[in-house]
Amino acid sequence: MNIALLGYGKMGKEIEQISIDRGHNVIYKIDKDSKIDKLNGVDVAINFSTPETAFKNISLGLNSSIPVVCGTTGWLNDFNKVVKLSNKTCTSFLYSSNFSLGVNLFYELNKKLALMMKNHNQYKLNIKEVHHKEKLDKPSGTAISLAEDVIKNSNYKKWSFDNDFDNIIKMESKRIDGVPGTHTLKYSSDIDSIEIKHVANNRIGFALGAVIAAEWILNKEGVFSMKDVINDFKF
């Protein structure tokens, strides 16, 4: 298939290499200074741009009647606009805060643990995420997804960097050179603690998942998530 890369940073370059390895063609490499009004001859667009340019890039793909797979985080105030545009153009859109297969399995583990811990109020939850210094948004989209899944399956009401109340998840973000992504959820009491962690060793898992999602979304219509891909795709 012919792919347009919307965003050509480190992730874009990783996606390009995996796409080529899987027999695809990358025919557009659009960076923040690119001036293109329409994508031609493209089967799917993959967006890993900045939060500031994400909505513009997604709109470019959908308005070109091209399905878009998006892994950029920090832009979700415009998510409902994208859903409306996807419906208007009858063009598919898939968003995930993290395309790693391991992280998406981690999401399911997190939900189950949250349910198990729901009635054990002596434990306080802390979510810590660590990424490379080039990552612009804090906390990571993955950390927000983890927190939201806990809130849906527990007595917690919200997450916060500042508050340490019983019904608020304490969030912590750090930026360190060379760290692809680490997410830790720790339930602590005066007696002991329970911890689950996902550590990304490199960007390959994120890039591979995005390309697999792009392969999956062809000839589909609607708004999807990585969970749809995992439930349906034969890896």
C-alpha atoms as a PDB file:
ATOM      1  CA  MET A   1       0.000   0.000   0.000  1.00  0.00           C
ATOM      2  CA  ASN A   2       1.010   3.637  -0.472  1.00  0.00           C
ATOM      3  CA  ILE A   3       1.533   5.534   2.784  1.00  0.00           C
ATOM      4  CA  ALA A   4       1.684   9.217   3.679  1.00  0.00           C
ATOM      5  CA  LEU A   5       3.704   9.971   6.810  1.00  0.00           C
ATOM      6  CA  LEU A   6       2.269  13.003   8.583  1.00  0.00           C
ATOM      7  CA  GLY A   7       5.193  13.949  10.800  1.00  0.00           C
ATOM      8  CA  TYR A   8       8.723  12.881  10.011  1.00  0.00           C
ATOM      9  CA  GLY A   9      10.569  12.885  13.310  1.00  0.00           C
ATOM     10  CA  LYS A  10      12.112   9.870  15.021  1.00  0.00           C
ATOM     11  CA  MET A  11       8.845   7.934  15.035  1.00  0.00           C
ATOM     12  CA  GLY A  12       8.129   8.854  11.428  1.00  0.00           C
ATOM     13  CA  LYS A  13      11.511   7.523  10.355  1.00  0.00           C
ATOM     14  CA  GLU A  14      10.980   4.311  12.347  1.00  0.00           C
ATOM     15  CA  ILE A  15       7.550   3.833  10.734  1.00  0.00           C
ATOM     16  CA  GLU A  16       9.072   4.460   7.311  1.00  0.00           C
ATOM     17  CA  GLN A  17      11.629   1.670   7.768  1.00  0.00           C
ATOM     18  CA  ILE A  18       9.066  -0.838   9.050  1.00  0.00           C
ATOM     19  CA  SER A  19       6.662   0.082   6.239  1.00  0.00           C
ATOM     20  CA  ILE A  20       9.362  -0.599   3.645  1.00  0.00           C
ATOM     21  CA  ASP A  21      10.313  -3.852   5.373  1.00  0.00           C
ATOM     22  CA  ARG A  22       6.664  -4.955   5.130  1.00  0.00           C
ATOM     23  CA  GLY A  23       6.519  -4.202   1.383  1.00  0.00           C
ATOM     24  CA  HIS A  24       4.798  -0.810   1.440  1.00  0.00           C
ATOM     25  CA  ASN A  25       5.676   2.462  -0.291  1.00  0.00           C
ATOM     26  CA  VAL A  26       6.093   5.774   1.526  1.00  0.00           C
ATOM     27  CA  ILE A  27       5.189   8.462  -0.999  1.00  0.00           C
ATOM     28  CA  TYR A  28       4.718  11.489   1.293  1.00  0.00           C
ATOM     29  CA  LYS A  29       6.892  12.625   4.214  1.00  0.00           C
ATOM     30  CA  ILE A  30       5.111  15.675   5.572  1.00  0.00           C
ATOM     31  CA  ASP A  31       6.836  17.723   8.247  1.00  0.00           C
ATOM     32  CA  LYS A  32       5.620  20.856  10.038  1.00  0.00           C
ATOM     33  CA  ASP A  33       6.798  23.199   7.266  1.00  0.00           C
ATOM     34  CA  SER A  34       5.271  21.208   4.392  1.00  0.00           C
ATOM     35  CA  LYS A  35       2.607  23.004   2.347  1.00  0.00           C
ATOM     36  CA  ILE A  36       0.347  20.360   0.809  1.00  0.00           C
ATOM     37  CA  ASP A  37      -3.404  20.821   0.333  1.00  0.00           C
ATOM     38  CA  LYS A  38      -4.317  17.299  -0.794  1.00  0.00           C
ATOM     39  CA  LEU A  39      -2.827  13.819  -0.725  1.00  0.00           C
ATOM     40  CA  ASN A  40      -2.949  11.965  -4.033  1.00  0.00           C
ATOM     41  CA  GLY A  41      -2.258   8.303  -4.753  1.00  0.00           C
ATOM     42  CA  VAL A  42      -2.285   7.370  -1.059  1.00  0.00           C
ATOM     43  CA  ASP A  43      -4.018   4.399   0.579  1.00  0.00           C
ATOM     44  CA  VAL A  44      -3.520   5.431   4.211  1.00  0.00           C
ATOM     45  CA  ALA A  45      -1.928   8.221   6.248  1.00  0.00           C
ATOM     46  CA  ILE A  46      -0.063   7.711   9.537  1.00  0.00           C
ATOM     47  CA  ASN A  47       0.177  10.753  11.795  1.00  0.00           C
ATOM     48  CA  PHE A  48       2.945  11.085  14.390  1.00  0.00           C
ATOM     49  CA  SER A  49       3.327  14.848  14.362  1.00  0.00           C
ATOM     50  CA  THR A  50       3.318  17.474  17.131  1.00  0.00           C
ATOM     51  CA  PRO A  51       0.204  18.151  19.229  1.00  0.00           C
ATOM     52  CA  GLU A  52      -0.037  21.575  17.577  1.00  0.00           C
ATOM     53  CA  THR A  53      -0.132  20.195  14.011  1.00  0.00           C
ATOM     54  CA  ALA A  54      -2.075  16.979  14.646  1.00  0.00           C
ATOM     55  CA  PHE A  55      -5.568  18.279  13.854  1.00  0.00           C
ATOM     56  CA  LYS A  56      -4.353  19.981  10.666  1.00  0.00           C
ATOM     57  CA  ASN A  57      -2.627  16.788   9.497  1.00  0.00           C
ATOM     58  CA  ILE A  58      -5.559  14.532  10.353  1.00  0.00           C
ATOM     59  CA  SER A  59      -7.906  16.896   8.515  1.00  0.00           C
ATOM     60  CA  LEU A  60      -5.604  16.813   5.482  1.00  0.00           C
ATOM     61  CA  GLY A  61      -5.924  13.049   5.305  1.00  0.00           C
ATOM     62  CA  LEU A  62      -9.661  12.839   5.917  1.00  0.00           C
ATOM     63  CA  ASN A  63     -10.411  15.694   3.496  1.00  0.00           C
ATOM     64  CA  SER A  64      -8.380  13.768   0.907  1.00  0.00           C
ATOM     65  CA  SER A  65     -10.700  10.756   1.506  1.00  0.00           C
ATOM     66  CA  ILE A  66      -7.780   8.819   2.988  1.00  0.00           C
ATOM     67  CA  PRO A  67      -8.027   6.808   6.239  1.00  0.00           C
ATOM     68  CA  VAL A  68      -5.839   8.177   9.002  1.00  0.00           C
ATOM     69  CA  VAL A  69      -4.040   6.341  11.802  1.00  0.00           C
ATOM     70  CA  CYS A  70      -2.931   8.719  14.557  1.00  0.00           C
ATOM     71  CA  GLY A  71      -0.495   8.179  17.414  1.00  0.00           C
ATOM     72  CA  THR A  72       0.105  11.812  18.363  1.00  0.00           C
ATOM     73  CA  THR A  73      -1.056  12.657  21.885  1.00  0.00           C
ATOM     74  CA  GLY A  74      -1.871  15.980  23.514  1.00  0.00           C
ATOM     75  CA  TRP A  75      -4.412  17.141  20.889  1.00  0.00           C
ATOM     76  CA  LEU A  76      -7.621  15.472  22.099  1.00  0.00           C
ATOM     77  CA  ASN A  77      -9.539  18.714  22.635  1.00  0.00           C
ATOM     78  CA  ASP A  78     -10.157  18.426  18.887  1.00  0.00           C
ATOM     79  CA  PHE A  79     -11.110  14.739  18.944  1.00  0.00           C
ATOM     80  CA  ASN A  80     -14.854  15.346  18.485  1.00  0.00           C
ATOM     81  CA  LYS A  81     -14.116  17.552  15.465  1.00  0.00           C
ATOM     82  CA  VAL A  82     -12.188  14.665  13.920  1.00  0.00           C
ATOM     83  CA  VAL A  83     -15.060  12.258  14.578  1.00  0.00           C
ATOM     84  CA  LYS A  84     -17.465  14.640  12.823  1.00  0.00           C
ATOM     85  CA  LEU A  85     -15.066  15.054   9.896  1.00  0.00           C
ATOM     86  CA  SER A  86     -14.609  11.289   9.632  1.00  0.00           C
ATOM     87  CA  ASN A  87     -18.374  10.839   9.495  1.00  0.00           C
ATOM     88  CA  LYS A  88     -18.798  13.700   7.009  1.00  0.00           C
ATOM     89  CA  THR A  89     -16.150  12.364   4.620  1.00  0.00           C
ATOM     90  CA  CYS A  90     -17.122   8.696   5.183  1.00  0.00           C
ATOM     91  CA  THR A  91     -13.419   8.076   5.825  1.00  0.00           C
ATOM     92  CA  SER A  92     -12.024   5.945   8.631  1.00  0.00           C
ATOM     93  CA  PHE A  93      -9.945   7.213  11.544  1.00  0.00           C
ATOM     94  CA  LEU A  94      -8.037   5.295  14.204  1.00  0.00           C
ATOM     95  CA  TYR A  95      -6.478   6.856  17.287  1.00  0.00           C
ATOM     96  CA  SER A  96      -4.382   5.228  19.968  1.00  0.00           C
ATOM     97  CA  SER A  97      -2.283   6.818  22.677  1.00  0.00           C
ATOM     98  CA  ASN A  98       0.062   3.844  22.283  1.00  0.00           C
ATOM     99  CA  PHE A  99       0.333   1.320  19.438  1.00  0.00           C
ATOM    100  CA  SER A 100       2.535  -1.172  21.272  1.00  0.00           C
ATOM    101  CA  LEU A 101       0.972  -4.629  21.546  1.00  0.00           C
ATOM    102  CA  GLY A 102       2.528  -4.961  25.005  1.00  0.00           C
ATOM    103  CA  VAL A 103       1.021  -1.677  26.198  1.00  0.00           C
ATOM    104  CA  ASN A 104      -2.426  -2.665  24.969  1.00  0.00           C
ATOM    105  CA  LEU A 105      -2.151  -5.923  26.922  1.00  0.00           C
ATOM    106  CA  PHE A 106      -0.982  -3.773  29.860  1.00  0.00           C
ATOM    107  CA  TYR A 107      -4.189  -1.717  29.527  1.00  0.00           C
ATOM    108  CA  GLU A 108      -6.259  -4.867  30.057  1.00  0.00           C
ATOM    109  CA  LEU A 109      -4.156  -5.913  33.054  1.00  0.00           C
ATOM    110  CA  ASN A 110      -4.602  -2.435  34.534  1.00  0.00           C
ATOM    111  CA  LYS A 111      -8.401  -2.642  34.246  1.00  0.00           C
ATOM    112  CA  LYS A 112      -8.494  -6.012  35.983  1.00  0.00           C
ATOM    113  CA  LEU A 113      -6.225  -4.840  38.789  1.00  0.00           C
ATOM    114  CA  ALA A 114      -8.315  -1.688  39.294  1.00  0.00           C
ATOM    115  CA  LEU A 115     -11.410  -3.829  39.772  1.00  0.00           C
ATOM    116  CA  MET A 116      -9.581  -6.052  42.250  1.00  0.00           C
ATOM    117  CA  MET A 117      -8.367  -3.041  44.249  1.00  0.00           C
ATOM    118  CA  LYS A 118     -11.701  -1.189  44.228  1.00  0.00           C
ATOM    119  CA  ASN A 119     -12.744  -2.200  47.739  1.00  0.00           C
ATOM    120  CA  HIS A 120      -9.289  -1.961  49.314  1.00  0.00           C
ATOM    121  CA  ASN A 121      -9.184   1.714  50.200  1.00  0.00           C
ATOM    122  CA  GLN A 122      -6.066   1.380  52.321  1.00  0.00           C
ATOM    123  CA  TYR A 123      -4.047   1.447  49.082  1.00  0.00           C
ATOM    124  CA  LYS A 124      -3.259   4.746  47.324  1.00  0.00           C
ATOM    125  CA  LEU A 125      -2.519   4.725  43.587  1.00  0.00           C
ATOM    126  CA  ASN A 126       0.379   6.563  41.998  1.00  0.00           C
ATOM    127  CA  ILE A 127       0.988   6.551  38.230  1.00  0.00           C
ATOM    128  CA  LYS A 128       4.491   7.438  37.071  1.00  0.00           C
ATOM    129  CA  GLU A 129       5.543   7.851  33.444  1.00  0.00           C
ATOM    130  CA  VAL A 130       9.060   8.486  32.134  1.00  0.00           C
ATOM    131  CA  HIS A 131       9.897   9.467  28.544  1.00  0.00           C
ATOM    132  CA  HIS A 132      12.655  11.019  26.461  1.00  0.00           C
ATOM    133  CA  LYS A 133      13.117  14.786  26.610  1.00  0.00           C
ATOM    134  CA  GLU A 134      11.751  15.284  23.085  1.00  0.00           C
ATOM    135  CA  LYS A 135       8.248  14.253  24.186  1.00  0.00           C
ATOM    136  CA  LEU A 136       6.256  17.469  24.373  1.00  0.00           C
ATOM    137  CA  ASP A 137       3.107  16.551  26.316  1.00  0.00           C
ATOM    138  CA  LYS A 138       2.840  15.769  30.036  1.00  0.00           C
ATOM    139  CA  PRO A 139       1.548  13.388  31.183  1.00  0.00           C
ATOM    140  CA  SER A 140       1.816  10.958  28.295  1.00  0.00           C
ATOM    141  CA  GLY A 141      -1.327   9.917  26.468  1.00  0.00           C
ATOM    142  CA  THR A 142      -0.696   6.380  27.683  1.00  0.00           C
ATOM    143  CA  ALA A 143      -0.610   7.526  31.316  1.00  0.00           C
ATOM    144  CA  ILE A 144      -3.885   9.395  30.815  1.00  0.00           C
ATOM    145  CA  SER A 145      -5.467   6.291  29.234  1.00  0.00           C
ATOM    146  CA  LEU A 146      -4.288   4.163  32.163  1.00  0.00           C
ATOM    147  CA  ALA A 147      -5.717   6.659  34.659  1.00  0.00           C
ATOM    148  CA  GLU A 148      -9.038   6.900  32.812  1.00  0.00           C
ATOM    149  CA  ASP A 149      -9.373   3.106  32.770  1.00  0.00           C
ATOM    150  CA  VAL A 150      -8.742   3.009  36.530  1.00  0.00           C
ATOM    151  CA  ILE A 151     -11.373   5.719  37.113  1.00  0.00           C
ATOM    152  CA  LYS A 152     -13.942   3.722  35.127  1.00  0.00           C
ATOM    153  CA  ASN A 153     -13.262   0.619  37.228  1.00  0.00           C
ATOM    154  CA  SER A 154     -12.712   2.033  40.729  1.00  0.00           C
ATOM    155  CA  ASN A 155     -13.706   4.707  43.238  1.00  0.00           C
ATOM    156  CA  TYR A 156     -11.179   7.223  41.963  1.00  0.00           C
ATOM    157  CA  LYS A 157     -12.700  10.438  40.577  1.00  0.00           C
ATOM    158  CA  LYS A 158      -9.803  11.966  38.624  1.00  0.00           C
ATOM    159  CA  TRP A 159      -6.020  12.212  38.329  1.00  0.00           C
ATOM    160  CA  SER A 160      -3.810  15.140  39.292  1.00  0.00           C
ATOM    161  CA  PHE A 161      -0.157  16.183  39.512  1.00  0.00           C
ATOM    162  CA  ASP A 162      -0.763  18.138  42.694  1.00  0.00           C
ATOM    163  CA  ASN A 163      -3.406  16.590  44.909  1.00  0.00           C
ATOM    164  CA  ASP A 164      -2.927  13.604  47.173  1.00  0.00           C
ATOM    165  CA  PHE A 165      -6.487  12.964  48.318  1.00  0.00           C
ATOM    166  CA  ASP A 166      -7.911   9.465  48.717  1.00  0.00           C
ATOM    167  CA  ASN A 167     -10.116   9.562  45.608  1.00  0.00           C
ATOM    168  CA  ILE A 168      -7.558  11.270  43.333  1.00  0.00           C
ATOM    169  CA  ILE A 169      -4.819   9.386  41.456  1.00  0.00           C
ATOM    170  CA  LYS A 170      -1.428  11.015  41.936  1.00  0.00           C
ATOM    171  CA  MET A 171       0.306  11.470  38.566  1.00  0.00           C
ATOM    172  CA  GLU A 172       4.049  11.926  38.063  1.00  0.00           C
ATOM    173  CA  SER A 173       5.913  12.690  34.802  1.00  0.00           C
ATOM    174  CA  LYS A 174       9.649  12.740  34.157  1.00  0.00           C
ATOM    175  CA  ARG A 175      11.677  13.459  31.009  1.00  0.00           C
ATOM    176  CA  ILE A 176      15.068  11.745  30.742  1.00  0.00           C
ATOM    177  CA  ASP A 177      17.349  11.397  27.718  1.00  0.00           C
ATOM    178  CA  GLY A 178      17.051   8.116  25.838  1.00  0.00           C
ATOM    179  CA  VAL A 179      13.962   6.667  27.553  1.00  0.00           C
ATOM    180  CA  PRO A 180      11.414   5.389  24.960  1.00  0.00           C
ATOM    181  CA  GLY A 181       8.654   5.046  27.552  1.00  0.00           C
ATOM    182  CA  THR A 182       8.076   3.547  31.004  1.00  0.00           C
ATOM    183  CA  HIS A 183       4.731   3.448  32.820  1.00  0.00           C
ATOM    184  CA  THR A 184       4.344   2.298  36.421  1.00  0.00           C
ATOM    185  CA  LEU A 185       1.198   1.943  38.503  1.00  0.00           C
ATOM    186  CA  LYS A 186       1.850   1.493  42.203  1.00  0.00           C
ATOM    187  CA  TYR A 187      -0.756   0.823  44.890  1.00  0.00           C
ATOM    188  CA  SER A 188       0.783   1.612  48.283  1.00  0.00           C
ATOM    189  CA  SER A 189      -0.380   1.108  51.863  1.00  0.00           C
ATOM    190  CA  ASP A 190       1.362   1.380  55.224  1.00  0.00           C
ATOM    191  CA  ILE A 191       1.999  -2.360  55.112  1.00  0.00           C
ATOM    192  CA  ASP A 192       2.978  -3.144  51.523  1.00  0.00           C
ATOM    193  CA  SER A 193       2.686  -2.150  47.883  1.00  0.00           C
ATOM    194  CA  ILE A 194       1.549  -3.706  44.592  1.00  0.00           C
ATOM    195  CA  GLU A 195       3.127  -2.550  41.348  1.00  0.00           C
ATOM    196  CA  ILE A 196       2.697  -3.221  37.626  1.00  0.00           C
ATOM    197  CA  LYS A 197       5.032  -1.742  35.030  1.00  0.00           C
ATOM    198  CA  HIS A 198       5.517  -1.597  31.275  1.00  0.00           C
ATOM    199  CA  VAL A 199       8.960  -0.723  29.900  1.00  0.00           C
ATOM    200  CA  ALA A 200       9.507  -0.020  26.210  1.00  0.00           C
ATOM    201  CA  ASN A 201      13.039  -0.985  25.178  1.00  0.00           C
ATOM    202  CA  ASN A 202      12.860   0.961  21.894  1.00  0.00           C
ATOM    203  CA  ARG A 203      10.414   2.575  19.441  1.00  0.00           C
ATOM    204  CA  ILE A 204      10.020  -0.506  17.251  1.00  0.00           C
ATOM    205  CA  GLY A 205       6.904  -1.786  19.037  1.00  0.00           C
ATOM    206  CA  PHE A 206       5.134   1.564  18.639  1.00  0.00           C
ATOM    207  CA  ALA A 207       6.039   1.836  14.951  1.00  0.00           C
ATOM    208  CA  LEU A 208       5.140  -1.771  14.117  1.00  0.00           C
ATOM    209  CA  GLY A 209       1.749  -1.418  15.793  1.00  0.00           C
ATOM    210  CA  ALA A 210       1.020   1.758  13.826  1.00  0.00           C
ATOM    211  CA  VAL A 211       1.830   0.063  10.513  1.00  0.00           C
ATOM    212  CA  ILE A 212      -0.273  -2.973  11.433  1.00  0.00           C
ATOM    213  CA  ALA A 213      -3.146  -0.601  12.311  1.00  0.00           C
ATOM    214  CA  ALA A 214      -2.716   1.083   8.911  1.00  0.00           C
ATOM    215  CA  GLU A 215      -2.918  -2.304   7.174  1.00  0.00           C
ATOM    216  CA  TRP A 216      -6.014  -3.190   9.194  1.00  0.00           C
ATOM    217  CA  ILE A 217      -7.974   0.024   8.600  1.00  0.00           C
ATOM    218  CA  LEU A 218      -8.049  -0.251   4.792  1.00  0.00           C
ATOM    219  CA  ASN A 219     -11.592  -0.585   3.354  1.00  0.00           C
ATOM    220  CA  LYS A 220     -13.209   0.150   6.726  1.00  0.00           C
ATOM    221  CA  GLU A 221     -15.464   3.045   7.678  1.00  0.00           C
ATOM    222  CA  GLY A 222     -15.785   4.560  11.139  1.00  0.00           C
ATOM    223  CA  VAL A 223     -13.725   5.611  14.148  1.00  0.00           C
ATOM    224  CA  PHE A 224     -11.592   2.929  15.771  1.00  0.00           C
ATOM    225  CA  SER A 225      -8.988   2.267  18.443  1.00  0.00           C
ATOM    226  CA  MET A 226      -6.060  -0.122  18.779  1.00  0.00           C
ATOM    227  CA  LYS A 227      -8.318  -2.453  20.745  1.00  0.00           C
ATOM    228  CA  ASP A 228     -10.318  -3.067  17.545  1.00  0.00           C
ATOM    229  CA  VAL A 229      -7.110  -4.026  15.757  1.00  0.00           C
ATOM    230  CA  ILE A 230      -5.950  -6.391  18.482  1.00  0.00           C
ATOM    231  CA  ASN A 231      -9.338  -8.102  18.683  1.00  0.00           C
ATOM    232  CA  ASP A 232      -9.488  -8.646  14.920  1.00  0.00           C
ATOM    233  CA  PHE A 233      -5.979  -8.769  13.466  1.00  0.00           C
ATOM    234  CA  LYS A 234      -3.933 -11.954  13.128  1.00  0.00           C
ATOM    235  CA  PHE A 235      -0.459 -10.913  14.267  1.00  0.00           C
END
